[in-house]
Structure formats: C-alpha cells, structure tokens
Amino acid sequence: MREDRQLIVITHLSQLLCFITGFGSLIVPLIIWITQKEKVFQMDAHGKNIVNFQISMIIYALLCIPLILAFGLGILGFIILGIISLVFPIINAIKANNGETPTYPLSLSFIS
C-alpha cells in the first residue's frame, strides 16, 4: 500500500461537486473509494466516513422536505445542511492533509 494524502484530500473535496454541478457529491467519492481502498493507505477509513456522511446528508435532506410545510422548518434545515456540507469537507480535507482522521457531524454509520 502506498501513502497518498493528495488523493485522500481530493476525495474529501470531491464532495463539493454538488455546489458546482448539482450532483456527484456521493458518486465521485464512492468511485474513488471503491477503486483505491486496497491501494492507498487509510483510504478505506476516509472513504467510509465520506460515504456515511453523504448518505446521512441525503437522508436529512429528504426529511427536510415534509418539514417545509411545518412552519418552514425544512428551509432552515436545508440552510443548515448546506453549511455543514460546505464547511466539513474542507475542514476534513485539511485534517487529511495533516494525517489526522476525519470526523463528520450528524453522520450515521451505514458502512463500518
């Protein structure tokens, strides 16, 4: 196994594709993780955290849709999810570059 922090940083930052293209925040990191988890040191742990975070964000976004009818709470939820989805991939990319383990808030553990 080789150590490739740049690829891990790119994997974290690829979550930001949804702000540019509207999609890809789950697909691109998932493809990188699946193809590189056996080749790159610590890619498996980082990839699992990223995929769990993205699946959690999708579930929370789906829960916000019916909450829009409840006094507009869903709109506030979407704003908070957008901020979290923007800030934490950047923070964790910096942590990955320094060799630290990423932590994502509100992340449910689907893949362990």
Protein backbone atom coordinates (compact mmCIF):
# COMPACT_ATOMS: atom_id res chain seq x y z
CA MET A 1 0.00 0.00 0.00
CA ARG A 2 1.18 3.48 -0.76
CA GLU A 3 0.53 6.66 1.18
CA ASP A 4 -1.23 9.24 -0.98
CA ARG A 5 -2.55 12.13 1.07
CA GLN A 6 -3.31 14.17 -2.03
CA LEU A 7 -5.78 11.59 -3.32
CA ILE A 8 -7.46 11.46 0.10
CA VAL A 9 -7.70 15.28 0.12
CA ILE A 10 -9.18 15.20 -3.40
CA THR A 11 -11.69 12.59 -2.22
CA HIS A 12 -12.82 14.87 0.62
CA LEU A 13 -13.01 17.92 -1.66
CA SER A 14 -14.90 16.00 -4.37
CA GLN A 15 -17.95 16.22 -2.10
CA LEU A 16 -18.16 19.89 -3.07
CA LEU A 17 -19.15 18.93 -6.64
CA CYS A 18 -22.80 19.26 -5.65
CA PHE A 19 -22.30 23.03 -5.26
CA ILE A 20 -20.88 23.27 -8.80
CA THR A 21 -22.79 20.65 -10.82
CA GLY A 22 -25.75 19.84 -8.56
CA PHE A 23 -24.78 16.18 -8.24
CA GLY A 24 -21.74 14.00 -7.73
CA SER A 25 -21.16 14.55 -4.03
CA LEU A 26 -21.76 10.84 -3.35
CA ILE A 27 -20.89 9.25 -6.68
CA VAL A 28 -17.35 10.61 -7.18
CA PRO A 29 -16.04 9.87 -3.63
CA LEU A 30 -17.70 6.45 -3.80
CA ILE A 31 -15.92 5.60 -7.06
CA ILE A 32 -12.57 6.85 -5.75
CA TRP A 33 -13.00 4.92 -2.51
CA ILE A 34 -14.03 1.65 -4.17
CA THR A 35 -11.19 1.74 -6.70
CA GLN A 36 -8.44 2.89 -4.32
CA LYS A 37 -9.26 1.40 -0.90
CA GLU A 38 -6.92 -1.56 -1.46
CA LYS A 39 -4.10 0.56 -2.90
CA VAL A 40 -3.89 3.70 -0.75
CA PHE A 41 -3.09 3.67 2.97
CA GLN A 42 -6.04 4.95 5.08
CA MET A 43 -8.31 5.39 2.04
CA ASP A 44 -10.72 2.79 3.41
CA ALA A 45 -11.32 4.69 6.67
CA HIS A 46 -11.63 8.07 4.95
CA GLY A 47 -13.88 6.67 2.22
CA LYS A 48 -16.23 5.06 4.72
CA ASN A 49 -16.52 8.33 6.64
CA ILE A 50 -17.24 10.28 3.45
CA VAL A 51 -19.85 7.82 2.13
CA ASN A 52 -21.57 7.62 5.53
CA PHE A 53 -21.65 11.43 5.72
CA GLN A 54 -23.08 11.82 2.21
CA ILE A 55 -25.77 9.17 2.74
CA SER A 56 -26.67 10.86 6.04
CA MET A 57 -26.94 14.26 4.32
CA ILE A 58 -29.25 12.78 1.68
CA ILE A 59 -31.50 11.28 4.38
CA TYR A 60 -31.58 14.56 6.32
CA ALA A 61 -32.43 16.46 3.13
CA LEU A 62 -35.30 14.06 2.44
CA LEU A 63 -36.55 14.62 6.00
CA CYS A 64 -36.48 18.41 5.46
CA ILE A 65 -38.91 18.21 2.52
CA PRO A 66 -42.05 17.48 4.61
CA LEU A 67 -40.80 19.87 7.30
CA ILE A 68 -41.19 22.77 4.86
CA LEU A 69 -44.93 22.50 5.46
CA ALA A 70 -44.37 22.73 9.24
CA PHE A 71 -43.78 26.46 9.64
CA GLY A 72 -40.91 26.46 7.17
CA LEU A 73 -38.59 24.43 9.39
CA GLY A 74 -37.44 22.47 6.36
CA ILE A 75 -36.00 25.60 4.76
CA LEU A 76 -33.95 26.25 7.90
CA GLY A 77 -32.89 22.60 7.81
CA PHE A 78 -31.76 22.92 4.19
CA ILE A 79 -29.71 26.01 5.05
CA ILE A 80 -28.02 24.25 7.97
CA LEU A 81 -27.34 21.14 5.86
CA GLY A 82 -25.87 23.31 3.12
CA ILE A 83 -23.50 24.99 5.54
CA ILE A 84 -22.44 21.66 7.06
CA SER A 85 -21.98 20.13 3.58
CA LEU A 86 -19.75 23.04 2.58
CA VAL A 87 -17.64 23.50 5.69
CA PHE A 88 -16.85 20.00 6.92
CA PRO A 89 -15.41 18.54 3.69
CA ILE A 90 -12.96 21.46 3.65
CA ILE A 91 -12.05 21.02 7.32
CA ASN A 92 -11.59 17.28 6.87
CA ALA A 93 -9.52 17.76 3.72
CA ILE A 94 -7.14 19.90 5.79
CA LYS A 95 -7.12 17.25 8.53
CA ALA A 96 -6.42 14.53 5.96
CA ASN A 97 -3.53 16.54 4.56
CA ASN A 98 -2.08 16.70 8.09
CA GLY A 99 -2.54 12.93 8.56
CA GLU A 100 -5.44 13.19 11.02
CA THR A 101 -8.63 11.13 11.00
CA PRO A 102 -11.73 12.97 9.73
CA THR A 103 -14.85 13.46 11.81
CA TYR A 104 -18.17 14.39 10.28
CA PRO A 105 -21.05 15.66 12.45
CA LEU A 106 -24.51 14.11 12.18
CA SER A 107 -23.01 11.17 10.27
CA LEU A 108 -24.86 7.90 10.70
CA SER A 109 -22.81 4.70 10.43
CA PHE A 110 -24.12 2.74 7.45
CA ILE A 111 -20.77 1.30 6.36
CA SER A 112 -18.42 0.21 9.10
